[in-house]
C-alpha atoms as a PDB file:
ATOM      1  CA  MET A   1       9.148   9.001   1.643  1.00  0.00           C
ATOM      2  CA  ARG A   2       8.173   8.041  -1.876  1.00  0.00           C
ATOM      3  CA  TRP A   3       4.681   6.898  -2.342  1.00  0.00           C
ATOM      4  CA  ARG A   4       3.677   4.473  -5.019  1.00  0.00           C
ATOM      5  CA  LYS A   5       0.556   3.142  -6.183  1.00  0.00           C
ATOM      6  CA  SER A   6      -0.550   0.119  -8.194  1.00  0.00           C
ATOM      7  CA  SER A   7      -0.006   0.353 -12.015  1.00  0.00           C
ATOM      8  CA  TYR A   8      -3.605  -0.966 -12.081  1.00  0.00           C
ATOM      9  CA  SER A   9      -4.695   2.328 -10.815  1.00  0.00           C
ATOM     10  CA  GLY A  10      -6.476   4.838 -13.285  1.00  0.00           C
ATOM     11  CA  ILE A  11      -6.125   8.512 -13.565  1.00  0.00           C
ATOM     12  CA  ASN A  12      -8.420   9.111 -10.613  1.00  0.00           C
ATOM     13  CA  ALA A  13      -7.064   9.473  -7.087  1.00  0.00           C
ATOM     14  CA  ASP A  14      -8.879   6.529  -5.555  1.00  0.00           C
ATOM     15  CA  CYS A  15      -6.310   4.016  -4.587  1.00  0.00           C
ATOM     16  CA  VAL A  16      -4.066   2.827  -1.988  1.00  0.00           C
ATOM     17  CA  GLU A  17      -0.563   4.090  -1.790  1.00  0.00           C
ATOM     18  CA  ALA A  18       2.487   2.503  -0.253  1.00  0.00           C
ATOM     19  CA  ALA A  19       5.859   3.779   0.769  1.00  0.00           C
ATOM     20  CA  GLU A  20       8.816   1.728   1.963  1.00  0.00           C
ATOM     21  CA  LEU A  21      10.294   2.476   5.705  1.00  0.00           C
ATOM     22  CA  PRO A  22      13.150   0.859   7.327  1.00  0.00           C
ATOM     23  CA  GLY A  23      11.796  -2.412   8.085  1.00  0.00           C
ATOM     24  CA  ALA A  24       8.155  -1.495   7.398  1.00  0.00           C
ATOM     25  CA  ILE A  25       5.645  -0.254   4.682  1.00  0.00           C
ATOM     26  CA  ALA A  26       3.418   2.570   5.035  1.00  0.00           C
ATOM     27  CA  VAL A  27       0.078   2.680   3.422  1.00  0.00           C
ATOM     28  CA  ARG A  28      -2.484   5.437   2.873  1.00  0.00           C
ATOM     29  CA  ASP A  29      -5.662   6.455   0.986  1.00  0.00           C
ATOM     30  CA  SER A  30      -4.739   8.554  -2.026  1.00  0.00           C
ATOM     31  CA  LYS A  31      -8.086  10.511  -1.862  1.00  0.00           C
ATOM     32  CA  HIS A  32      -7.127  11.693   1.539  1.00  0.00           C
ATOM     33  CA  PRO A  33      -3.373  11.600   2.239  1.00  0.00           C
ATOM     34  CA  GLU A  34      -3.535  13.808   5.051  1.00  0.00           C
ATOM     35  CA  ALA A  35      -5.988  11.545   6.978  1.00  0.00           C
ATOM     36  CA  GLY A  36      -2.788   9.357   8.243  1.00  0.00           C
ATOM     37  CA  VAL A  37      -1.290   5.987   7.441  1.00  0.00           C
ATOM     38  CA  LEU A  38      -1.214   2.595   8.482  1.00  0.00           C
ATOM     39  CA  CYS A  39       2.267   1.089   9.135  1.00  0.00           C
ATOM     40  CA  PHE A  40       2.939  -2.746   8.776  1.00  0.00           C
ATOM     41  CA  SER A  41       6.133  -4.709   9.295  1.00  0.00           C
ATOM     42  CA  SER A  42       7.775  -6.014   6.197  1.00  0.00           C
ATOM     43  CA  ALA A  43       6.733  -9.472   7.371  1.00  0.00           C
ATOM     44  CA  GLU A  44       3.192  -8.521   7.521  1.00  0.00           C
ATOM     45  CA  TRP A  45       3.055  -6.623   4.192  1.00  0.00           C
ATOM     46  CA  VAL A  46       4.765  -9.764   2.459  1.00  0.00           C
ATOM     47  CA  ALA A  47       2.139 -12.095   4.044  1.00  0.00           C
ATOM     48  CA  PHE A  48      -0.569  -9.773   2.793  1.00  0.00           C
ATOM     49  CA  LEU A  49       0.733  -9.537  -0.652  1.00  0.00           C
ATOM     50  CA  ARG A  50       0.845 -13.575  -0.593  1.00  0.00           C
ATOM     51  CA  MET A  51      -2.680 -13.755   0.556  1.00  0.00           C
ATOM     52  CA  ALA A  52      -4.026 -11.425  -2.074  1.00  0.00           C
ATOM     53  CA  GLN A  53      -2.251 -13.078  -4.846  1.00  0.00           C
ATOM     54  CA  GLU A  54      -3.694 -16.464  -3.665  1.00  0.00           C
ATOM     55  CA  GLU A  55      -7.261 -14.975  -3.622  1.00  0.00           C
ATOM     56  CA  ARG A  56      -6.751 -13.960  -7.211  1.00  0.00           C
ATOM     57  CA  HIS A  57      -6.230 -17.364  -8.401  1.00  0.00           C
END
């Protein structure tokens, strides 16, 4: 699994990381990667990203 974080993240390990799975996205806290992950369907993830972008504008 390849974990990625936002390009807006600084050098500190205090951000959310996401990894693609077949048909889903896994999300974890970079400060505590051993604490587990939350999984969202691809449709749920896309809906979340759209909502987040709308909130920015």
